[in-house]
């Protein structure tokens, strides 16, 4: 993350309250434009406008640093396309001229010269001298379009964003938190179109227990808006002690893939805001790689992901998988990809790579082709843990029960440890307004180290699982048997206590009704 105190022309830090007010005002202005329909249009538009302001502020800081070192500085974005050239002045280019500058392939630019329009220029950027920041910008803007019809309203939005200053660590952190709020709103808006995003407590838990170590590589092949990668970046950042550690974190640690243009752009912005200067996110369907073509150099140490499920892939994608394991279920295709992408022991990794994957319940009990994939998982990988999540964790996007699979490539599975995450007392499920909190996962984190069986945790041997068609959908045996685990004297005591409580409740009800107990 950038820490700058001596750069010239530093603006006062915008407070969280002021920042929230500026973004709210920008969104209110955008609601007036007829070209935008709802948050699925407004939030991406606001994102790329903020992205350009952010880039210009960071470029200004880099330029000042280069001057202090007396180094040559080449900006990622040249004149007259820098924010300071066309957007910084509140009374600058506006109306139809602004729309033409942003939208057209060739136009009259703010300096009165003829040339490429803004978006056309940004899409055509290419890296030079090994600097891939230009490639990142070009990739981000390859799927961007200006949907605002009024150049005057667009100018008003730009002026609001112009009052945000990305020139201190504190301010970038503040915007990072606010941006995460915007992403949650985006997820809410996208929920009806089949986009399901992983709650932050689950993401944080999965990163904690897989514990990526600086020097290892982390991949999310279906990264969406980058939640797992941001959390992995934060986890790595705590381990950085030297300049070389920072270099490793920035260039050799975080990787992702995302096929859809909008989540891809949001992931780039999300990672950049949190401190990753040049995110290495591939804009493509990760399933497009033929499994037999995956080499050791393509493999990674850690995979953390919530792959899409319930979808269908085209025939060309299915051809990348073995004939007996080609399926329309996207989650099963991603599971196979993840298994192949983990490093093998002795080939770049001592014990082999490890993974944490979100899967629907259907993956656990599925038979046929699904069972064949799970058989390979049990025989060739160490499926050491399954965390069973309660209902509503993914509310409001889906009510489908979900599980967390944790496995590595250290050898075949001997036994699977199950942990059933309970609902808070008195709750039937989680909801959008009452979501899962990270603190509720603390007992599971404590159990993770010792793995002792208790009322929430149990073990099943791989031999038993293989003998039952690889059905991983195992219920808690202690919860199922209930009273069978109690000694007779404890059983009588428990029943009497419940009877006493029933009598107490009946008395309370009678009093409420005005009758004598």
Protein backbone atom coordinates (compact mmCIF):
# COMPACT_ATOMS: atom_id res chain seq x y z
CA UNK A 1 0.00 0.00 0.00
CA UNK A 2 1.27 3.47 -0.82
CA UNK A 3 2.51 5.64 2.01
CA UNK A 4 3.19 9.18 0.87
CA UNK A 5 3.79 12.17 3.11
CA UNK A 6 6.12 14.41 1.13
CA UNK A 7 4.51 14.45 -2.31
CA UNK A 8 3.66 17.91 -3.59
CA UNK A 9 0.10 19.19 -3.92
CA UNK A 10 -1.25 16.66 -1.42
CA UNK A 11 -4.92 17.36 -0.79
CA UNK A 12 -6.50 17.16 2.68
CA UNK A 13 -7.60 13.64 3.52
CA UNK A 14 -11.28 13.12 2.85
CA UNK A 15 -13.07 11.80 5.92
CA UNK A 16 -15.19 8.66 5.72
CA UNK A 17 -18.32 10.76 6.17
CA UNK A 18 -17.28 13.18 3.42
CA UNK A 19 -16.34 10.30 1.12
CA UNK A 20 -19.67 8.59 1.62
CA UNK A 21 -21.46 11.86 0.95
CA UNK A 22 -19.56 12.45 -2.31
CA UNK A 23 -20.33 8.98 -3.67
CA UNK A 24 -23.98 9.21 -2.62
CA UNK A 25 -24.25 12.55 -4.43
CA UNK A 26 -22.65 11.06 -7.57
CA UNK A 27 -25.12 8.17 -7.54
CA UNK A 28 -28.04 10.57 -7.05
CA UNK A 29 -26.91 12.50 -10.13
CA UNK A 30 -26.65 9.29 -12.15
CA UNK A 31 -30.26 8.41 -11.28
CA UNK A 32 -31.33 11.39 -13.39
CA UNK A 33 -29.70 10.03 -16.56
CA UNK A 34 -32.02 8.09 -18.86
CA UNK A 35 -29.24 5.90 -20.18
CA UNK A 36 -28.74 4.11 -16.86
CA UNK A 37 -31.09 1.46 -15.53
CA UNK A 38 -30.56 0.61 -11.88
CA UNK A 39 -27.43 -0.15 -9.87
CA UNK A 40 -26.23 -2.75 -12.37
CA UNK A 41 -25.59 0.21 -14.70
CA UNK A 42 -24.75 2.93 -12.18
CA UNK A 43 -22.19 1.15 -10.00
CA UNK A 44 -19.93 -0.07 -12.84
CA UNK A 45 -20.06 3.40 -14.38
CA UNK A 46 -19.07 5.01 -11.11
CA UNK A 47 -16.35 2.38 -10.66
CA UNK A 48 -14.48 3.10 -13.88
CA UNK A 49 -14.73 6.85 -13.35
CA UNK A 50 -13.20 6.43 -9.87
CA UNK A 51 -10.62 4.08 -11.34
CA UNK A 52 -9.36 6.83 -13.68
CA UNK A 53 -9.14 9.35 -10.82
CA UNK A 54 -7.32 6.78 -8.68
CA UNK A 55 -4.82 6.05 -11.49
CA UNK A 56 -4.06 9.73 -11.97
CA UNK A 57 -3.45 10.32 -8.25
CA UNK A 58 -1.13 7.31 -8.06
CA UNK A 59 0.67 8.40 -11.24
CA UNK A 60 1.20 11.85 -9.71
CA UNK A 61 2.77 10.26 -6.63
CA UNK A 62 5.03 8.07 -8.79
CA UNK A 63 6.06 11.07 -10.86
CA UNK A 64 7.04 13.04 -7.74
CA UNK A 65 9.06 10.09 -6.48
CA UNK A 66 10.84 9.75 -9.83
CA UNK A 67 11.76 13.46 -9.74
CA UNK A 68 13.21 13.08 -6.25
CA UNK A 69 15.33 10.16 -7.51
CA UNK A 70 16.09 12.05 -10.74
CA UNK A 71 14.71 9.11 -12.71
CA UNK A 72 12.89 9.27 -16.03
CA UNK A 73 9.16 8.83 -15.57
CA UNK A 74 6.83 7.49 -18.24
CA UNK A 75 3.15 7.70 -17.29
CA UNK A 76 0.80 4.81 -17.95
CA UNK A 77 -1.70 7.28 -19.45
CA UNK A 78 -0.32 10.07 -21.64
CA UNK A 79 -1.61 13.60 -22.30
CA UNK A 80 -4.37 14.60 -22.98
CA UNK A 81 -6.04 11.49 -21.53
CA UNK A 82 -4.90 11.88 -17.93
CA UNK A 83 -7.62 12.83 -15.46
CA UNK A 84 -5.85 16.14 -14.80
CA UNK A 85 -6.02 17.01 -18.53
CA UNK A 86 -9.77 16.67 -19.13
CA UNK A 87 -11.60 16.03 -15.85
CA UNK A 88 -9.89 18.00 -13.08
CA UNK A 89 -11.35 21.44 -13.91
CA UNK A 90 -14.94 21.70 -12.68
CA UNK A 91 -15.79 24.05 -15.56
CA UNK A 92 -13.98 21.90 -18.11
CA UNK A 93 -15.30 20.01 -21.15
CA UNK A 94 -18.99 19.13 -20.74
CA UNK A 95 -22.22 18.42 -22.60
CA UNK A 96 -22.09 16.84 -26.10
CA UNK A 97 -18.34 17.58 -26.36
CA UNK A 98 -17.66 15.48 -23.26
CA UNK A 99 -19.79 12.59 -24.54
CA UNK A 100 -17.95 12.74 -27.88
CA UNK A 101 -14.55 12.75 -26.20
CA UNK A 102 -15.42 9.74 -24.04
CA UNK A 103 -17.40 7.67 -26.57
CA UNK A 104 -16.14 8.32 -30.10
CA UNK A 105 -13.30 6.45 -31.73
CA UNK A 106 -11.95 9.68 -33.25
CA UNK A 107 -12.86 13.08 -31.85
CA UNK A 108 -11.72 16.56 -30.95
CA UNK A 109 -9.81 16.22 -27.70
CA UNK A 110 -9.77 18.77 -24.84
CA UNK A 111 -6.53 20.28 -26.18
CA UNK A 112 -8.36 21.00 -29.48
CA UNK A 113 -6.36 18.37 -31.39
CA UNK A 114 -7.88 15.46 -33.32
CA UNK A 115 -7.29 11.99 -31.98
CA UNK A 116 -8.72 8.88 -30.38
CA UNK A 117 -11.59 9.15 -27.96
CA UNK A 118 -10.90 8.36 -24.29
CA UNK A 119 -12.25 4.80 -24.11
CA UNK A 120 -10.73 3.89 -27.49
CA UNK A 121 -7.34 5.14 -26.30
CA UNK A 122 -7.54 3.25 -22.99
CA UNK A 123 -8.52 -0.01 -24.70
CA UNK A 124 -5.49 0.27 -26.98
CA UNK A 125 -2.83 0.71 -24.30
CA UNK A 126 0.09 -1.73 -24.38
CA UNK A 127 2.88 -2.32 -21.90
CA UNK A 128 6.43 -1.16 -22.50
CA UNK A 129 9.73 -1.98 -20.80
CA UNK A 130 8.11 -4.77 -18.81
CA UNK A 131 5.56 -2.46 -17.14
CA UNK A 132 2.23 -4.25 -17.29
CA UNK A 133 0.15 -1.44 -15.75
CA UNK A 134 -0.89 -0.40 -19.25
CA UNK A 135 -2.02 -3.93 -20.03
CA UNK A 136 -4.13 -3.92 -16.87
CA UNK A 137 -5.78 -0.63 -17.88
CA UNK A 138 -6.43 -1.85 -21.43
CA UNK A 139 -7.90 -5.09 -20.14
CA UNK A 140 -10.17 -3.32 -17.65
CA UNK A 141 -11.53 -0.92 -20.25
CA UNK A 142 -11.96 -3.53 -22.98
CA UNK A 143 -15.44 -4.22 -21.59
CA UNK A 144 -16.31 -0.68 -20.50
CA UNK A 145 -18.91 1.52 -22.18
CA UNK A 146 -20.28 4.92 -21.22
CA UNK A 147 -24.04 4.49 -20.83
CA UNK A 148 -24.76 8.04 -19.68
CA UNK A 149 -26.57 10.08 -22.30
CA UNK A 150 -26.20 13.54 -20.77
CA UNK A 151 -22.75 15.07 -20.92
CA UNK A 152 -23.85 17.66 -18.37
CA UNK A 153 -24.83 15.03 -15.81
CA UNK A 154 -21.61 13.17 -16.59
CA UNK A 155 -19.64 16.35 -15.84
CA UNK A 156 -21.46 16.67 -12.50
CA UNK A 157 -20.52 13.08 -11.60
CA UNK A 158 -16.89 13.67 -12.62
CA UNK A 159 -16.76 16.76 -10.41
CA UNK A 160 -17.99 14.74 -7.43
CA UNK A 161 -15.40 12.02 -7.99
CA UNK A 162 -12.75 14.71 -8.51
CA UNK A 163 -13.18 15.72 -4.87
CA UNK A 164 -11.91 12.28 -3.77
CA UNK A 165 -8.13 12.16 -3.29
CA UNK A 166 -6.33 8.82 -3.44
CA UNK A 167 -3.03 10.04 -2.05
CA UNK A 168 -2.72 8.55 1.42
CA UNK A 169 -2.86 5.07 2.87
CA UNK A 170 -5.62 6.12 5.26
CA UNK A 171 -7.83 7.49 2.51
CA UNK A 172 -7.37 4.47 0.26
CA UNK A 173 -8.30 2.19 3.17
CA UNK A 174 -11.40 4.31 3.80
CA UNK A 175 -12.43 4.11 0.17
CA UNK A 176 -11.66 0.38 0.18
CA UNK A 177 -14.26 -0.17 2.91
CA UNK A 178 -16.79 2.03 1.14
CA UNK A 179 -16.10 0.23 -2.13
CA UNK A 180 -16.81 -3.11 -0.46
CA UNK A 181 -20.21 -1.70 0.55
CA UNK A 182 -20.84 -0.82 -3.09
CA UNK A 183 -19.83 -4.34 -4.14
CA UNK A 184 -22.36 -5.80 -1.70
CA UNK A 185 -25.02 -3.66 -3.32
CA UNK A 186 -23.84 -4.87 -6.71
CA UNK A 187 -24.13 -8.46 -5.51
CA UNK A 188 -27.65 -7.81 -4.28
CA UNK A 189 -28.58 -6.38 -7.67
CA UNK A 190 -26.93 -9.30 -9.49
CA UNK A 191 -28.42 -12.03 -7.30
CA UNK A 192 -31.44 -12.43 -9.53
CA UNK A 193 -29.20 -13.10 -12.54
CA UNK A 194 -27.46 -16.11 -11.04
CA UNK A 195 -24.41 -14.42 -9.51
CA UNK A 196 -23.73 -15.78 -6.01
CA UNK A 197 -20.96 -14.20 -3.97
CA UNK A 198 -19.15 -15.60 -0.94
CA UNK A 199 -19.84 -13.86 2.39
CA UNK A 200 -16.75 -12.15 3.80
CA UNK A 201 -16.68 -14.24 7.04
CA UNK A 202 -16.51 -17.44 4.97
CA UNK A 203 -13.78 -15.99 2.74
CA UNK A 204 -11.73 -14.87 5.73
CA UNK A 205 -12.15 -18.27 7.44
CA UNK A 206 -11.03 -20.18 4.33
CA UNK A 207 -7.94 -18.00 3.95
CA UNK A 208 -7.07 -18.37 7.64
CA UNK A 209 -7.20 -22.17 7.69
CA UNK A 210 -5.34 -22.67 4.40
CA UNK A 211 -2.77 -20.09 5.59
CA UNK A 212 -0.98 -19.03 2.37
CA UNK A 213 2.66 -18.25 3.14
CA UNK A 214 4.60 -15.48 1.45
CA UNK A 215 6.42 -17.01 -1.51
CA UNK A 216 3.48 -19.28 -2.34
CA UNK A 217 1.07 -18.66 -5.18
CA UNK A 218 -2.68 -18.22 -4.65
CA UNK A 219 -5.24 -18.71 -7.44
CA UNK A 220 -8.99 -18.16 -7.70
CA UNK A 221 -10.01 -19.48 -11.13
CA UNK A 222 -13.51 -18.00 -10.80
CA UNK A 223 -12.66 -14.87 -8.85
CA UNK A 224 -15.79 -12.77 -9.42
CA UNK A 225 -15.15 -9.38 -7.83
CA UNK A 226 -11.97 -10.63 -6.14
CA UNK A 227 -13.05 -11.34 -2.55
CA UNK A 228 -10.76 -14.34 -2.01
CA UNK A 229 -7.82 -12.60 -3.67
CA UNK A 230 -8.21 -9.43 -1.60
CA UNK A 231 -8.32 -11.46 1.60
CA UNK A 232 -5.27 -13.47 0.48
CA UNK A 233 -3.45 -10.20 -0.27
CA UNK A 234 -4.22 -8.96 3.26
CA UNK A 235 -2.99 -12.28 4.68
CA UNK A 236 0.28 -12.01 2.75
CA UNK A 237 0.70 -8.34 3.65
CA UNK A 238 0.94 -9.19 7.35
CA UNK A 239 3.96 -11.37 6.52
CA UNK A 240 5.88 -8.66 4.63
CA UNK A 241 8.96 -7.40 6.48
CA UNK A 242 11.30 -6.23 3.71
CA UNK A 243 11.29 -4.53 0.31
CA UNK A 244 11.90 -7.92 -1.30
CA UNK A 245 8.84 -9.33 0.47
CA UNK A 246 6.80 -6.49 -1.01
CA UNK A 247 8.13 -7.24 -4.46
CA UNK A 248 7.17 -10.92 -4.12
CA UNK A 249 3.68 -9.98 -2.94
CA UNK A 250 3.16 -7.52 -5.77
CA UNK A 251 4.45 -9.70 -8.63
CA UNK A 252 4.50 -13.40 -7.74
CA UNK A 253 1.66 -14.17 -5.34
CA UNK A 254 -1.90 -13.39 -6.47
CA UNK A 255 -3.58 -14.79 -9.59
CA UNK A 256 -7.16 -15.07 -10.81
CA UNK A 257 -9.45 -15.76 -13.70
CA UNK A 258 -12.89 -14.32 -14.51
CA UNK A 259 -14.89 -14.75 -17.69
CA UNK A 260 -17.54 -12.03 -17.30
CA UNK A 261 -16.55 -8.43 -18.14
CA UNK A 262 -18.30 -6.68 -15.25
CA UNK A 263 -16.97 -8.82 -12.35
CA UNK A 264 -13.56 -8.76 -14.04
CA UNK A 265 -13.47 -4.96 -14.00
CA UNK A 266 -14.72 -4.85 -10.42
CA UNK A 267 -12.06 -7.36 -9.33
CA UNK A 268 -9.30 -5.24 -10.87
CA UNK A 269 -10.55 -2.12 -9.11
CA UNK A 270 -11.04 -4.00 -5.85
CA UNK A 271 -7.49 -5.36 -5.83
CA UNK A 272 -5.89 -2.09 -6.90
CA UNK A 273 -7.75 -0.20 -4.16
CA UNK A 274 -6.48 -2.67 -1.59
CA UNK A 275 -2.87 -2.24 -2.68
CA UNK A 276 -2.10 -4.73 -5.47
CA UNK A 277 -0.63 -2.41 -8.09
CA UNK A 278 -0.91 -4.63 -11.19
CA UNK A 279 -3.43 -7.45 -10.62
CA UNK A 280 -2.73 -10.59 -12.65
CA UNK A 281 -6.31 -11.53 -13.49
CA UNK A 282 -6.98 -13.41 -16.72
CA UNK A 283 -10.10 -12.29 -18.52
CA UNK A 284 -11.21 -15.71 -19.74
CA UNK A 285 -13.11 -18.84 -18.81
CA UNK A 286 -10.66 -20.88 -16.73
CA UNK A 287 -12.37 -24.06 -17.95
CA UNK A 288 -11.14 -23.32 -21.49
CA UNK A 289 -7.77 -24.90 -20.69
CA UNK A 290 -7.49 -28.56 -21.62
CA UNK A 291 -6.69 -30.56 -18.49
CA UNK A 292 -4.03 -32.62 -20.26
CA UNK A 293 -2.23 -29.41 -21.27
CA UNK A 294 -1.70 -28.26 -17.67
CA UNK A 295 2.04 -28.29 -16.90
CA UNK A 296 3.88 -28.08 -13.60
CA UNK A 297 4.64 -24.43 -14.35
CA UNK A 298 0.88 -23.78 -14.51
CA UNK A 299 0.23 -25.22 -11.08
CA UNK A 300 -0.09 -23.23 -7.84
CA UNK A 301 0.34 -23.71 -4.10
CA UNK A 302 -3.12 -22.63 -2.94
CA UNK A 303 -6.52 -22.45 -4.64
CA UNK A 304 -9.39 -20.66 -2.91
CA UNK A 305 -12.65 -20.35 -4.78
CA UNK A 306 -16.42 -20.45 -4.87
CA UNK A 307 -16.95 -21.71 -8.43
CA UNK A 308 -20.32 -21.15 -10.13
CA UNK A 309 -22.71 -24.07 -9.87
CA UNK A 310 -25.89 -25.07 -11.62
CA UNK A 311 -24.74 -23.62 -14.95
CA UNK A 312 -24.02 -25.30 -18.25
CA UNK A 313 -20.93 -25.05 -20.42
CA UNK A 314 -20.73 -25.28 -24.21
CA UNK A 315 -19.55 -28.47 -25.92
CA UNK A 316 -16.18 -26.94 -26.74
CA UNK A 317 -15.48 -26.54 -23.02
CA UNK A 318 -16.58 -30.10 -22.19
CA UNK A 319 -14.04 -31.41 -24.68
CA UNK A 320 -11.26 -30.23 -22.34
CA UNK A 321 -12.22 -32.93 -19.82
CA UNK A 322 -11.95 -36.75 -19.84
CA UNK A 323 -14.78 -38.43 -21.75
CA UNK A 324 -16.09 -40.24 -18.67
CA UNK A 325 -16.12 -37.01 -16.62
CA UNK A 326 -17.78 -34.53 -18.96
CA UNK A 327 -20.78 -32.93 -17.29
CA UNK A 328 -23.06 -29.93 -17.64
CA UNK A 329 -22.61 -29.14 -13.93
CA UNK A 330 -20.12 -26.29 -13.80
CA UNK A 331 -19.14 -26.96 -10.17
CA UNK A 332 -17.92 -30.47 -11.06
CA UNK A 333 -15.88 -29.16 -13.99
CA UNK A 334 -14.21 -26.59 -11.74
CA UNK A 335 -13.52 -29.26 -9.11
CA UNK A 336 -11.63 -31.29 -11.71
CA UNK A 337 -9.70 -28.20 -12.84
CA UNK A 338 -8.76 -27.34 -9.25
CA UNK A 339 -7.48 -30.87 -8.64
CA UNK A 340 -5.20 -30.62 -11.70
CA UNK A 341 -3.98 -27.10 -10.94
CA UNK A 342 -2.53 -27.94 -7.51
CA UNK A 343 1.23 -28.43 -7.36
CA UNK A 344 2.43 -32.02 -7.11
CA UNK A 345 4.73 -33.08 -4.23
CA UNK A 346 8.38 -32.77 -5.16
CA UNK A 347 7.62 -30.62 -8.19
CA UNK A 348 7.80 -27.11 -6.84
CA UNK A 349 6.18 -28.05 -3.52
CA UNK A 350 7.26 -30.27 -0.63
CA UNK A 351 3.83 -31.60 0.31
CA UNK A 352 1.85 -30.54 -2.74
CA UNK A 353 -0.71 -27.79 -3.21
CA UNK A 354 -3.86 -27.32 -1.13
CA UNK A 355 -7.36 -26.00 -1.80
CA UNK A 356 -10.47 -24.65 -0.13
CA UNK A 357 -13.59 -24.87 -2.30
CA UNK A 358 -17.25 -23.97 -1.79
CA UNK A 359 -19.59 -26.67 -3.18
CA UNK A 360 -23.36 -27.22 -3.08
CA UNK A 361 -24.87 -30.18 -1.22
CA UNK A 362 -25.50 -31.97 -4.50
CA UNK A 363 -21.77 -32.46 -4.97
CA UNK A 364 -21.60 -34.42 -1.72
CA UNK A 365 -24.33 -36.98 -2.47
CA UNK A 366 -24.17 -37.05 -6.29
CA UNK A 367 -23.67 -40.47 -7.89
CA UNK A 368 -22.59 -41.67 -11.34
CA UNK A 369 -20.15 -39.25 -12.94
CA UNK A 370 -20.08 -37.15 -9.76
CA UNK A 371 -19.10 -40.26 -7.75
CA UNK A 372 -16.24 -40.98 -10.16
CA UNK A 373 -14.83 -37.50 -9.61
CA UNK A 374 -15.12 -37.90 -5.84
CA UNK A 375 -13.47 -41.32 -6.04
CA UNK A 376 -10.47 -39.68 -7.69
CA UNK A 377 -10.51 -36.98 -5.02
CA UNK A 378 -10.41 -39.58 -2.24
CA UNK A 379 -7.82 -41.87 -3.85
CA UNK A 380 -5.40 -39.32 -5.31
CA UNK A 381 -5.88 -36.38 -2.92
CA UNK A 382 -6.17 -35.90 0.81
CA UNK A 383 -9.72 -34.68 1.43
CA UNK A 384 -9.07 -33.95 5.08
CA UNK A 385 -11.96 -31.63 6.04
CA UNK A 386 -15.56 -30.88 5.14
CA UNK A 387 -17.23 -27.95 6.91
CA UNK A 388 -21.01 -28.14 6.64
CA UNK A 389 -22.58 -24.69 6.61
CA UNK A 390 -26.09 -24.02 7.98
CA UNK A 391 -29.04 -22.71 6.00
CA UNK A 392 -29.04 -19.14 4.77
CA UNK A 393 -25.28 -18.46 4.79
CA UNK A 394 -25.55 -17.35 1.15
CA UNK A 395 -28.82 -15.45 1.63
CA UNK A 396 -30.28 -13.69 -0.26
CA UNK A 397 -28.59 -15.14 -3.35
CA UNK A 398 -29.47 -18.78 -2.81
CA UNK A 399 -31.00 -21.05 -0.18
CA UNK A 400 -29.08 -24.10 -1.44
CA UNK A 401 -27.12 -25.71 1.45
CA UNK A 402 -23.37 -25.35 0.93
CA UNK A 403 -20.18 -26.98 2.19
CA UNK A 404 -16.49 -26.14 2.32
CA UNK A 405 -14.11 -28.81 1.00
CA UNK A 406 -10.47 -28.68 2.05
CA UNK A 407 -8.01 -31.01 0.37
CA UNK A 408 -4.37 -31.22 -0.62
CA UNK A 409 -2.08 -33.26 -2.83
CA UNK A 410 -0.02 -34.85 -0.03
CA UNK A 411 -1.41 -38.36 -0.66
CA UNK A 412 -4.61 -40.42 -0.59
CA UNK A 413 -7.36 -39.69 1.93
CA UNK A 414 -7.28 -41.78 5.11
CA UNK A 415 -10.22 -40.17 6.89
CA UNK A 416 -12.41 -37.11 6.45
CA UNK A 417 -13.00 -34.79 9.40
CA UNK A 418 -16.47 -33.25 9.38
CA UNK A 419 -17.43 -30.08 11.24
CA UNK A 420 -21.04 -28.92 11.36
CA UNK A 421 -21.25 -25.16 11.82
CA UNK A 422 -24.30 -24.48 14.05
CA UNK A 423 -26.82 -21.69 13.77
CA UNK A 424 -26.95 -19.21 16.66
CA UNK A 425 -29.30 -20.35 19.40
CA UNK A 426 -32.92 -19.57 18.58
CA UNK A 427 -32.28 -19.05 14.85
CA UNK A 428 -33.64 -21.25 12.06
CA UNK A 429 -31.44 -19.77 9.34
CA UNK A 430 -29.33 -16.79 8.36
CA UNK A 431 -30.87 -13.94 6.39
CA UNK A 432 -29.71 -10.88 4.48
CA UNK A 433 -30.33 -8.68 7.54
CA UNK A 434 -28.92 -11.24 10.00
CA UNK A 435 -25.92 -12.78 8.22
CA UNK A 436 -23.16 -15.06 9.47
CA UNK A 437 -20.54 -13.25 11.58
CA UNK A 438 -16.86 -14.17 11.59
CA UNK A 439 -16.85 -14.55 15.37
CA UNK A 440 -19.31 -17.45 15.04
CA UNK A 441 -16.58 -19.41 13.23
CA UNK A 442 -14.12 -19.05 16.14
CA UNK A 443 -14.98 -22.49 17.64
CA UNK A 444 -14.30 -24.11 14.27
CA UNK A 445 -10.94 -22.33 14.05
CA UNK A 446 -10.07 -23.62 17.54
CA UNK A 447 -11.18 -27.17 16.60
CA UNK A 448 -9.13 -27.08 13.39
CA UNK A 449 -5.82 -27.55 15.21
CA UNK A 450 -6.72 -30.54 17.45
CA UNK A 451 -9.58 -32.11 15.43
CA UNK A 452 -11.16 -33.85 18.37
CA UNK A 453 -14.60 -35.40 17.91
CA UNK A 454 -17.40 -33.62 19.75
CA UNK A 455 -21.07 -32.70 19.36
CA UNK A 456 -20.15 -30.72 16.22
CA UNK A 457 -17.30 -32.77 14.78
CA UNK A 458 -16.88 -36.38 13.69
CA UNK A 459 -14.72 -38.51 11.41
CA UNK A 460 -15.44 -40.99 8.60
CA UNK A 461 -12.80 -43.28 7.10
CA UNK A 462 -12.03 -43.08 3.40
CA UNK A 463 -12.61 -46.83 3.22
CA UNK A 464 -16.19 -46.39 4.39
CA UNK A 465 -16.81 -43.51 1.97
CA UNK A 466 -15.43 -45.47 -1.00
CA UNK A 467 -17.60 -48.46 -0.06
CA UNK A 468 -20.77 -46.35 -0.23
CA UNK A 469 -20.38 -44.95 -3.77
CA UNK A 470 -18.41 -41.97 -2.41
CA UNK A 471 -21.41 -40.44 -0.70
CA UNK A 472 -19.87 -37.58 1.29
CA UNK A 473 -23.24 -36.36 2.57
CA UNK A 474 -22.72 -37.63 6.12
CA UNK A 475 -24.81 -36.44 9.03
CA UNK A 476 -23.54 -35.78 12.52
CA UNK A 477 -23.80 -39.20 14.26
CA UNK A 478 -23.89 -37.64 17.72
CA UNK A 479 -26.73 -35.27 16.82
CA UNK A 480 -28.58 -38.12 15.10
CA UNK A 481 -28.44 -40.54 18.03
CA UNK A 482 -29.25 -37.91 20.63
CA UNK A 483 -30.24 -39.58 23.89
CA UNK A 484 -28.48 -42.83 23.00
CA UNK A 485 -25.22 -41.20 24.12
CA UNK A 486 -26.58 -40.28 27.58
CA UNK A 487 -26.23 -42.60 30.59
CA UNK A 488 -29.59 -43.68 32.17
CA UNK A 489 -29.30 -41.36 35.22
CA UNK A 490 -28.51 -38.38 32.95
CA UNK A 491 -31.39 -39.30 30.65
CA UNK A 492 -33.91 -39.32 33.57
CA UNK A 493 -32.52 -36.05 34.90
CA UNK A 494 -32.83 -34.42 31.48
CA UNK A 495 -36.43 -35.59 30.98
CA UNK A 496 -37.49 -34.35 34.46
CA UNK A 497 -35.88 -30.98 33.82
CA UNK A 498 -37.81 -30.63 30.55
CA UNK A 499 -41.08 -31.58 32.30
CA UNK A 500 -40.47 -28.97 35.00
CA UNK A 501 -39.89 -26.35 32.33
CA UNK A 502 -43.10 -27.35 30.52
CA UNK A 503 -45.08 -26.87 33.77
CA UNK A 504 -43.45 -23.45 34.27
CA UNK A 505 -44.40 -22.36 30.74
CA UNK A 506 -47.99 -23.56 31.21
CA UNK A 507 -48.22 -21.49 34.39
CA UNK A 508 -46.91 -18.39 32.59
CA UNK A 509 -49.46 -18.84 29.80
CA UNK A 510 -52.27 -19.26 32.34
CA UNK A 511 -51.28 -16.02 34.08
CA UNK A 512 -51.29 -14.17 30.75
CA UNK A 513 -54.83 -15.45 30.13
CA UNK A 514 -55.98 -14.30 33.57
CA UNK A 515 -56.51 -17.81 34.90
CA UNK A 516 -55.09 -19.33 38.06
CA UNK A 517 -51.99 -21.45 37.53
